[in-house]
Amino acid sequence: MTVFLQKYSAVRSPTRGSSPVPYIEAANKQIKYRFLYHKFIPDFDSLKRYVSEAVEDYNNRPHDVLGGLTPLEVLHGKTIDTVGNQQQIMLAKAIRVAENKKLKCCHYSF
């Protein structure tokens, strides 16, 4: 294992506190299922290109679990504004309910 890590200039990082493994596995699953499994990958260079595109997209896409932030925003220290997010959600809900009432598209009471 050490030879493999040295060959590819990879470094082991010790974990502190909770293990990052579940988060890494979740990211890997997203990349595999959203980007790679449905592609024809004829060679290693194509694989490298597809993985690079997938990682770029993953890191710049907002994630629900990050409160709508992208992984890069979190990495650079941006924090989730839970109060602001709650206010936006409540406002969007009120607007949607008002629109539904206006259009009479829903038969249940609000």
N, C-alpha and C. Protein backbone atom coordinates (compact mmCIF):
# COMPACT_ATOMS: atom_id res chain seq x y z
N MET A 1 0.83 -1.20 0.00
CA MET A 1 0.00 0.00 0.00
C MET A 1 0.87 1.26 0.00
N THR A 2 1.91 1.26 0.79
CA THR A 2 2.78 2.43 0.87
C THR A 2 3.44 2.72 -0.47
N VAL A 3 3.86 1.68 -1.18
CA VAL A 3 4.48 1.85 -2.50
C VAL A 3 3.49 2.49 -3.46
N PHE A 4 2.23 2.02 -3.42
CA PHE A 4 1.19 2.58 -4.27
C PHE A 4 1.00 4.06 -3.96
N LEU A 5 0.93 4.40 -2.68
CA LEU A 5 0.72 5.80 -2.29
C LEU A 5 1.89 6.67 -2.74
N GLN A 6 3.11 6.15 -2.59
CA GLN A 6 4.28 6.92 -3.01
C GLN A 6 4.32 7.08 -4.52
N LYS A 7 3.96 6.02 -5.24
CA LYS A 7 3.99 6.07 -6.70
C LYS A 7 3.08 7.17 -7.24
N TYR A 8 1.92 7.35 -6.61
CA TYR A 8 0.96 8.34 -7.08
C TYR A 8 0.95 9.61 -6.24
N SER A 9 2.01 9.81 -5.45
CA SER A 9 2.16 11.01 -4.62
C SER A 9 0.97 11.23 -3.70
N ALA A 10 0.38 10.14 -3.26
CA ALA A 10 -0.76 10.25 -2.34
C ALA A 10 -0.23 10.21 -0.91
N VAL A 11 -0.94 10.86 -0.03
CA VAL A 11 -0.54 10.93 1.36
C VAL A 11 -1.69 10.44 2.22
N ARG A 12 -1.38 9.61 3.19
CA ARG A 12 -2.40 9.19 4.15
C ARG A 12 -2.64 10.32 5.11
N SER A 13 -3.89 10.57 5.41
CA SER A 13 -4.19 11.59 6.40
C SER A 13 -4.87 10.92 7.58
N PRO A 14 -4.30 11.09 8.76
CA PRO A 14 -4.92 10.46 9.93
C PRO A 14 -6.25 11.11 10.24
N THR A 15 -7.19 10.32 10.69
CA THR A 15 -8.50 10.87 11.03
C THR A 15 -8.49 11.31 12.48
N ARG A 16 -9.23 12.35 12.73
CA ARG A 16 -9.38 12.85 14.10
C ARG A 16 -10.86 12.93 14.38
N GLY A 17 -11.25 12.48 15.53
CA GLY A 17 -12.68 12.51 15.85
C GLY A 17 -13.42 11.50 15.01
N SER A 18 -14.50 11.92 14.41
CA SER A 18 -15.30 10.99 13.62
C SER A 18 -14.61 10.68 12.30
N SER A 19 -14.87 9.53 11.80
CA SER A 19 -14.24 9.06 10.57
C SER A 19 -14.84 9.76 9.35
N PRO A 20 -13.99 10.19 8.41
CA PRO A 20 -14.50 10.81 7.19
C PRO A 20 -14.95 9.79 6.14
N VAL A 21 -14.76 8.51 6.44
CA VAL A 21 -15.03 7.46 5.45
C VAL A 21 -16.47 7.51 4.91
N PRO A 22 -17.50 7.65 5.74
CA PRO A 22 -18.86 7.69 5.18
C PRO A 22 -19.06 8.85 4.20
N TYR A 23 -18.45 9.98 4.47
CA TYR A 23 -18.59 11.14 3.59
C TYR A 23 -17.86 10.90 2.27
N ILE A 24 -16.70 10.29 2.36
CA ILE A 24 -15.93 9.98 1.15
C ILE A 24 -16.70 8.98 0.31
N GLU A 25 -17.25 7.96 0.96
CA GLU A 25 -18.01 6.95 0.22
C GLU A 25 -19.26 7.55 -0.42
N ALA A 26 -19.90 8.49 0.25
CA ALA A 26 -21.08 9.15 -0.32
C ALA A 26 -20.69 9.95 -1.57
N ALA A 27 -19.58 10.65 -1.50
CA ALA A 27 -19.11 11.42 -2.65
C ALA A 27 -18.74 10.48 -3.80
N ASN A 28 -18.05 9.38 -3.48
CA ASN A 28 -17.69 8.41 -4.51
C ASN A 28 -18.92 7.84 -5.19
N LYS A 29 -19.95 7.54 -4.41
CA LYS A 29 -21.18 6.99 -4.97
C LYS A 29 -21.82 7.98 -5.93
N GLN A 30 -21.88 9.25 -5.53
CA GLN A 30 -22.46 10.27 -6.40
C GLN A 30 -21.69 10.35 -7.73
N ILE A 31 -20.38 10.36 -7.62
CA ILE A 31 -19.56 10.47 -8.84
C ILE A 31 -19.76 9.25 -9.73
N LYS A 32 -19.78 8.07 -9.14
CA LYS A 32 -19.95 6.86 -9.95
C LYS A 32 -21.32 6.81 -10.61
N TYR A 33 -22.37 7.01 -9.84
CA TYR A 33 -23.72 6.84 -10.39
C TYR A 33 -24.16 8.01 -11.26
N ARG A 34 -23.77 9.23 -10.94
CA ARG A 34 -24.23 10.38 -11.73
C ARG A 34 -23.38 10.62 -12.97
N PHE A 35 -22.11 10.20 -12.92
CA PHE A 35 -21.22 10.59 -14.01
C PHE A 35 -20.55 9.44 -14.75
N LEU A 36 -20.23 8.37 -14.07
CA LEU A 36 -19.38 7.38 -14.71
C LEU A 36 -20.09 6.14 -15.22
N TYR A 37 -21.03 5.60 -14.47
CA TYR A 37 -21.63 4.32 -14.86
C TYR A 37 -22.35 4.35 -16.20
N HIS A 38 -22.84 5.48 -16.60
CA HIS A 38 -23.57 5.55 -17.88
C HIS A 38 -22.68 6.00 -19.05
N LYS A 39 -21.39 6.12 -18.81
CA LYS A 39 -20.47 6.55 -19.87
C LYS A 39 -19.70 5.35 -20.41
N PHE A 40 -19.38 5.41 -21.67
CA PHE A 40 -18.46 4.45 -22.26
C PHE A 40 -17.05 4.99 -22.03
N ILE A 41 -16.24 4.23 -21.34
CA ILE A 41 -14.89 4.67 -20.99
C ILE A 41 -13.90 3.74 -21.68
N PRO A 42 -13.41 4.14 -22.85
CA PRO A 42 -12.57 3.24 -23.64
C PRO A 42 -11.14 3.08 -23.14
N ASP A 43 -10.63 4.08 -22.40
CA ASP A 43 -9.24 3.99 -21.96
C ASP A 43 -9.02 4.82 -20.70
N PHE A 44 -7.82 4.72 -20.17
CA PHE A 44 -7.50 5.39 -18.91
C PHE A 44 -7.55 6.91 -19.04
N ASP A 45 -7.13 7.45 -20.17
CA ASP A 45 -7.18 8.91 -20.36
C ASP A 45 -8.62 9.42 -20.34
N SER A 46 -9.52 8.65 -20.93
CA SER A 46 -10.94 9.02 -20.89
C SER A 46 -11.46 8.98 -19.46
N LEU A 47 -11.06 7.96 -18.72
CA LEU A 47 -11.48 7.85 -17.32
C LEU A 47 -10.99 9.06 -16.53
N LYS A 48 -9.74 9.44 -16.71
CA LYS A 48 -9.20 10.60 -15.99
C LYS A 48 -9.99 11.86 -16.34
N ARG A 49 -10.31 12.03 -17.61
CA ARG A 49 -11.07 13.21 -18.04
C ARG A 49 -12.46 13.23 -17.42
N TYR A 50 -13.16 12.08 -17.47
CA TYR A 50 -14.52 12.00 -16.91
C TYR A 50 -14.51 12.22 -15.41
N VAL A 51 -13.53 11.63 -14.71
CA VAL A 51 -13.47 11.82 -13.26
C VAL A 51 -13.19 13.28 -12.95
N SER A 52 -12.31 13.91 -13.69
CA SER A 52 -12.02 15.32 -13.47
C SER A 52 -13.27 16.19 -13.65
N GLU A 53 -14.03 15.93 -14.71
CA GLU A 53 -15.28 16.67 -14.95
C GLU A 53 -16.28 16.42 -13.83
N ALA A 54 -16.37 15.16 -13.39
CA ALA A 54 -17.32 14.81 -12.34
C ALA A 54 -16.98 15.50 -11.02
N VAL A 55 -15.71 15.50 -10.67
CA VAL A 55 -15.28 16.13 -9.42
C VAL A 55 -15.52 17.64 -9.49
N GLU A 56 -15.22 18.24 -10.62
CA GLU A 56 -15.46 19.68 -10.80
C GLU A 56 -16.95 20.00 -10.61
N ASP A 57 -17.81 19.22 -11.23
CA ASP A 57 -19.25 19.43 -11.10
C ASP A 57 -19.70 19.20 -9.66
N TYR A 58 -19.25 18.13 -9.06
CA TYR A 58 -19.65 17.79 -7.68
C TYR A 58 -19.26 18.92 -6.72
N ASN A 59 -18.06 19.44 -6.85
CA ASN A 59 -17.57 20.46 -5.93
C ASN A 59 -18.20 21.83 -6.14
N ASN A 60 -18.82 22.05 -7.28
CA ASN A 60 -19.43 23.35 -7.56
C ASN A 60 -20.95 23.30 -7.60
N ARG A 61 -21.53 22.19 -7.21
CA ARG A 61 -22.99 22.02 -7.19
C ARG A 61 -23.48 22.18 -5.74
N PRO A 62 -24.53 22.95 -5.51
CA PRO A 62 -25.07 23.07 -4.14
C PRO A 62 -25.58 21.71 -3.64
N HIS A 63 -25.36 21.45 -2.37
CA HIS A 63 -25.78 20.19 -1.76
C HIS A 63 -26.74 20.49 -0.60
N ASP A 64 -27.84 19.74 -0.55
CA ASP A 64 -28.81 19.91 0.53
C ASP A 64 -28.16 19.72 1.90
N VAL A 65 -27.34 18.70 2.00
CA VAL A 65 -26.72 18.39 3.29
C VAL A 65 -25.79 19.51 3.76
N LEU A 66 -25.35 20.35 2.85
CA LEU A 66 -24.51 21.50 3.21
C LEU A 66 -25.32 22.79 3.27
N GLY A 67 -26.62 22.66 3.40
CA GLY A 67 -27.48 23.83 3.51
C GLY A 67 -27.53 24.66 2.24
N GLY A 68 -27.37 24.00 1.10
CA GLY A 68 -27.42 24.71 -0.17
C GLY A 68 -26.08 25.29 -0.62
N LEU A 69 -25.05 25.08 0.18
CA LEU A 69 -23.72 25.55 -0.21
C LEU A 69 -23.03 24.48 -1.06
N THR A 70 -22.02 24.89 -1.79
CA THR A 70 -21.21 23.93 -2.52
C THR A 70 -20.08 23.45 -1.62
N PRO A 71 -19.51 22.27 -1.90
CA PRO A 71 -18.36 21.83 -1.11
C PRO A 71 -17.21 22.84 -1.13
N LEU A 72 -16.99 23.51 -2.25
CA LEU A 72 -15.91 24.50 -2.29
C LEU A 72 -16.20 25.70 -1.40
N GLU A 73 -17.46 26.11 -1.32
CA GLU A 73 -17.81 27.22 -0.43
C GLU A 73 -17.54 26.84 1.02
N VAL A 74 -17.90 25.63 1.38
CA VAL A 74 -17.66 25.15 2.75
C VAL A 74 -16.16 25.06 3.01
N LEU A 75 -15.42 24.53 2.04
CA LEU A 75 -13.97 24.41 2.17
C LEU A 75 -13.33 25.77 2.42
N HIS A 76 -13.84 26.81 1.78
CA HIS A 76 -13.28 28.15 1.94
C HIS A 76 -13.88 28.92 3.11
N GLY A 77 -14.62 28.23 3.97
CA GLY A 77 -15.05 28.83 5.23
C GLY A 77 -16.43 29.45 5.26
N LYS A 78 -17.18 29.38 4.17
CA LYS A 78 -18.53 29.93 4.19
C LYS A 78 -19.39 29.07 5.10
N THR A 79 -20.20 29.70 5.90
CA THR A 79 -21.05 28.96 6.83
C THR A 79 -22.51 29.04 6.40
N ILE A 80 -23.26 28.09 6.87
CA ILE A 80 -24.69 28.01 6.54
C ILE A 80 -25.44 29.03 7.36
N ASP A 81 -26.24 29.83 6.70
CA ASP A 81 -27.08 30.83 7.35
C ASP A 81 -28.43 30.18 7.62
N THR A 82 -28.53 29.47 8.73
CA THR A 82 -29.76 28.71 9.00
C THR A 82 -30.96 29.62 9.19
N VAL A 83 -30.77 30.78 9.81
CA VAL A 83 -31.89 31.71 10.02
C VAL A 83 -32.34 32.26 8.67
N GLY A 84 -31.40 32.69 7.86
CA GLY A 84 -31.74 33.22 6.53
C GLY A 84 -32.38 32.16 5.65
N ASN A 85 -31.87 30.93 5.73
CA ASN A 85 -32.44 29.84 4.95
C ASN A 85 -33.88 29.56 5.38
N GLN A 86 -34.12 29.53 6.68
CA GLN A 86 -35.47 29.30 7.19
C GLN A 86 -36.42 30.39 6.73
N GLN A 87 -35.95 31.63 6.76
CA GLN A 87 -36.79 32.74 6.31
C GLN A 87 -37.10 32.62 4.83
N GLN A 88 -36.12 32.23 4.01
CA GLN A 88 -36.35 32.05 2.58
C GLN A 88 -37.34 30.92 2.33
N ILE A 89 -37.22 29.84 3.09
CA ILE A 89 -38.13 28.70 2.94
C ILE A 89 -39.56 29.12 3.29
N MET A 90 -39.72 29.83 4.39
CA MET A 90 -41.05 30.27 4.82
C MET A 90 -41.66 31.24 3.80
N LEU A 91 -40.86 32.14 3.27
CA LEU A 91 -41.34 33.08 2.27
C LEU A 91 -41.76 32.34 1.00
N ALA A 92 -40.92 31.42 0.55
CA ALA A 92 -41.24 30.64 -0.66
C ALA A 92 -42.52 29.83 -0.46
N LYS A 93 -42.69 29.28 0.74
CA LYS A 93 -43.89 28.49 1.04
C LYS A 93 -45.13 29.39 0.99
N ALA A 94 -45.04 30.57 1.59
CA ALA A 94 -46.18 31.50 1.59
C ALA A 94 -46.55 31.92 0.16
N ILE A 95 -45.53 32.18 -0.65
CA ILE A 95 -45.79 32.56 -2.04
C ILE A 95 -46.45 31.41 -2.79
N ARG A 96 -45.97 30.20 -2.60
CA ARG A 96 -46.53 29.03 -3.29
C ARG A 96 -47.97 28.80 -2.87
N VAL A 97 -48.27 28.91 -1.58
CA VAL A 97 -49.63 28.72 -1.09
C VAL A 97 -50.56 29.77 -1.71
N ALA A 98 -50.10 31.02 -1.74
CA ALA A 98 -50.91 32.10 -2.34
C ALA A 98 -51.16 31.83 -3.82
N GLU A 99 -50.15 31.38 -4.55
CA GLU A 99 -50.31 31.06 -5.96
C GLU A 99 -51.29 29.90 -6.15
N ASN A 100 -51.16 28.88 -5.31
CA ASN A 100 -52.07 27.73 -5.40
C ASN A 100 -53.52 28.15 -5.15
N LYS A 101 -53.71 29.03 -4.17
CA LYS A 101 -55.06 29.50 -3.88
C LYS A 101 -55.62 30.30 -5.06
N LYS A 102 -54.77 31.14 -5.65
CA LYS A 102 -55.19 31.95 -6.79
C LYS A 102 -55.59 31.08 -7.97
N LEU A 103 -54.83 30.05 -8.21
CA LEU A 103 -55.07 29.18 -9.37
C LEU A 103 -56.11 28.11 -9.09
N LYS A 104 -56.46 27.96 -7.83
CA LYS A 104 -57.42 26.93 -7.42
C LYS A 104 -57.00 25.55 -7.96
N CYS A 105 -55.71 25.31 -7.94
CA CYS A 105 -55.21 24.07 -8.49
C CYS A 105 -55.22 22.93 -7.46
N CYS A 106 -55.35 23.27 -6.23
CA CYS A 106 -55.31 22.23 -5.20
C CYS A 106 -56.64 22.20 -4.47
N HIS A 107 -57.11 21.02 -4.20
CA HIS A 107 -58.43 20.89 -3.58
C HIS A 107 -58.37 20.67 -2.08
N TYR A 108 -57.22 20.80 -1.52
CA TYR A 108 -57.11 20.66 -0.08
C TYR A 108 -56.97 22.05 0.55
N SER A 109 -57.28 22.13 1.82
CA SER A 109 -57.25 23.44 2.48
C SER A 109 -55.83 23.79 2.92
N PHE A 110 -55.60 25.09 3.01
CA PHE A 110 -54.27 25.56 3.43
C PHE A 110 -54.37 26.14 4.82
